[in-house]
Amino acid sequence: MVRKKKKQCCECNKLLVKDEIALSQKLLVRNVEVFYCIDCLAEYLQCTPEDLKVKIQSFKEQGCGLFL
């Protein structure tokens, strides 16, 4: 059995959850090799973590496959 390596935030090294990985892919580049946690991505994009949480919910409601 092949185990996937857990992804970490490239800034703070926090272990990431599925939605954080998907958000990095959706907002940066689909085949991105570096991932951000919500807080660090918000800082990088100059918005609030709450803004990104709203975007995640919106992408889920739209049926985006990255967030299923």
C-alpha atoms as a PDB file:
ATOM      1  CA  MET A   1       0.000   0.000   0.000  1.00  0.00           C
ATOM      2  CA  VAL A   2       1.355   3.415  -1.010  1.00  0.00           C
ATOM      3  CA  ARG A   3       0.936   6.156   1.555  1.00  0.00           C
ATOM      4  CA  LYS A   4       0.631   9.724   0.414  1.00  0.00           C
ATOM      5  CA  LYS A   5       2.928  12.149   2.138  1.00  0.00           C
ATOM      6  CA  LYS A   6       1.013  14.628   4.268  1.00  0.00           C
ATOM      7  CA  LYS A   7       1.196  18.104   2.807  1.00  0.00           C
ATOM      8  CA  GLN A   8       2.385  21.016   4.897  1.00  0.00           C
ATOM      9  CA  CYS A   9       2.069  24.763   4.563  1.00  0.00           C
ATOM     10  CA  CYS A  10       5.143  26.125   2.790  1.00  0.00           C
ATOM     11  CA  GLU A  11       5.249  29.083   5.208  1.00  0.00           C
ATOM     12  CA  CYS A  12       4.427  27.776   8.697  1.00  0.00           C
ATOM     13  CA  ASN A  13       4.729  23.961   8.205  1.00  0.00           C
ATOM     14  CA  LYS A  14       1.207  23.328   9.553  1.00  0.00           C
ATOM     15  CA  LEU A  15      -0.286  20.051   8.338  1.00  0.00           C
ATOM     16  CA  LEU A  16      -2.958  20.871   5.791  1.00  0.00           C
ATOM     17  CA  VAL A  17      -6.507  19.632   5.478  1.00  0.00           C
ATOM     18  CA  LYS A  18      -8.106  18.728   2.161  1.00  0.00           C
ATOM     19  CA  ASP A  19      -9.855  22.085   1.675  1.00  0.00           C
ATOM     20  CA  GLU A  20      -6.604  24.021   2.164  1.00  0.00           C
ATOM     21  CA  ILE A  21      -4.846  21.896  -0.461  1.00  0.00           C
ATOM     22  CA  ALA A  22      -7.753  22.316  -2.872  1.00  0.00           C
ATOM     23  CA  LEU A  23      -7.843  26.077  -2.308  1.00  0.00           C
ATOM     24  CA  SER A  24      -4.142  26.419  -3.136  1.00  0.00           C
ATOM     25  CA  GLN A  25      -4.761  24.450  -6.331  1.00  0.00           C
ATOM     26  CA  LYS A  26      -7.854  26.466  -7.272  1.00  0.00           C
ATOM     27  CA  LEU A  27      -6.499  29.944  -6.555  1.00  0.00           C
ATOM     28  CA  LEU A  28      -2.850  29.494  -7.526  1.00  0.00           C
ATOM     29  CA  VAL A  29      -2.232  26.741 -10.094  1.00  0.00           C
ATOM     30  CA  ARG A  30      -3.848  23.324 -10.442  1.00  0.00           C
ATOM     31  CA  ASN A  31      -0.469  21.532 -10.412  1.00  0.00           C
ATOM     32  CA  VAL A  32       1.000  23.712  -7.669  1.00  0.00           C
ATOM     33  CA  GLU A  33       3.862  22.154  -5.731  1.00  0.00           C
ATOM     34  CA  VAL A  34       3.688  24.442  -2.696  1.00  0.00           C
ATOM     35  CA  PHE A  35       0.610  24.716  -0.550  1.00  0.00           C
ATOM     36  CA  TYR A  36      -0.585  27.227   2.040  1.00  0.00           C
ATOM     37  CA  CYS A  37      -2.768  26.965   5.113  1.00  0.00           C
ATOM     38  CA  ILE A  38      -5.762  29.312   5.206  1.00  0.00           C
ATOM     39  CA  ASP A  39      -3.961  31.922   7.311  1.00  0.00           C
ATOM     40  CA  CYS A  40      -0.789  32.029   5.215  1.00  0.00           C
ATOM     41  CA  LEU A  41      -2.718  31.978   1.927  1.00  0.00           C
ATOM     42  CA  ALA A  42      -4.822  34.905   3.151  1.00  0.00           C
ATOM     43  CA  GLU A  43      -1.660  36.834   3.944  1.00  0.00           C
ATOM     44  CA  TYR A  44      -0.157  35.919   0.544  1.00  0.00           C
ATOM     45  CA  LEU A  45      -3.330  37.018  -1.294  1.00  0.00           C
ATOM     46  CA  GLN A  46      -3.831  40.057   0.969  1.00  0.00           C
ATOM     47  CA  CYS A  47      -7.295  39.094   2.167  1.00  0.00           C
ATOM     48  CA  THR A  48      -8.757  37.621   5.353  1.00  0.00           C
ATOM     49  CA  PRO A  49      -9.054  33.953   6.285  1.00  0.00           C
ATOM     50  CA  GLU A  50     -12.816  34.525   6.491  1.00  0.00           C
ATOM     51  CA  ASP A  51     -12.801  35.647   2.823  1.00  0.00           C
ATOM     52  CA  LEU A  52     -11.152  32.359   1.880  1.00  0.00           C
ATOM     53  CA  LYS A  53     -13.602  30.313   3.933  1.00  0.00           C
ATOM     54  CA  VAL A  54     -16.443  31.989   2.027  1.00  0.00           C
ATOM     55  CA  LYS A  55     -14.687  31.104  -1.255  1.00  0.00           C
ATOM     56  CA  ILE A  56     -14.328  27.463  -0.171  1.00  0.00           C
ATOM     57  CA  GLN A  57     -18.045  27.284   0.564  1.00  0.00           C
ATOM     58  CA  SER A  58     -18.820  28.923  -2.759  1.00  0.00           C
ATOM     59  CA  PHE A  59     -16.625  26.460  -4.678  1.00  0.00           C
ATOM     60  CA  LYS A  60     -18.334  23.564  -2.886  1.00  0.00           C
ATOM     61  CA  GLU A  61     -21.773  24.906  -3.785  1.00  0.00           C
ATOM     62  CA  GLN A  62     -20.665  25.268  -7.415  1.00  0.00           C
ATOM     63  CA  GLY A  63     -19.681  21.598  -7.376  1.00  0.00           C
ATOM     64  CA  CYS A  64     -15.963  22.151  -7.941  1.00  0.00           C
ATOM     65  CA  GLY A  65     -14.345  18.708  -8.069  1.00  0.00           C
ATOM     66  CA  LEU A  66     -11.356  19.825  -6.010  1.00  0.00           C
ATOM     67  CA  PHE A  67     -13.605  20.300  -2.981  1.00  0.00           C
ATOM     68  CA  LEU A  68     -15.587  17.051  -3.129  1.00  0.00           C
END
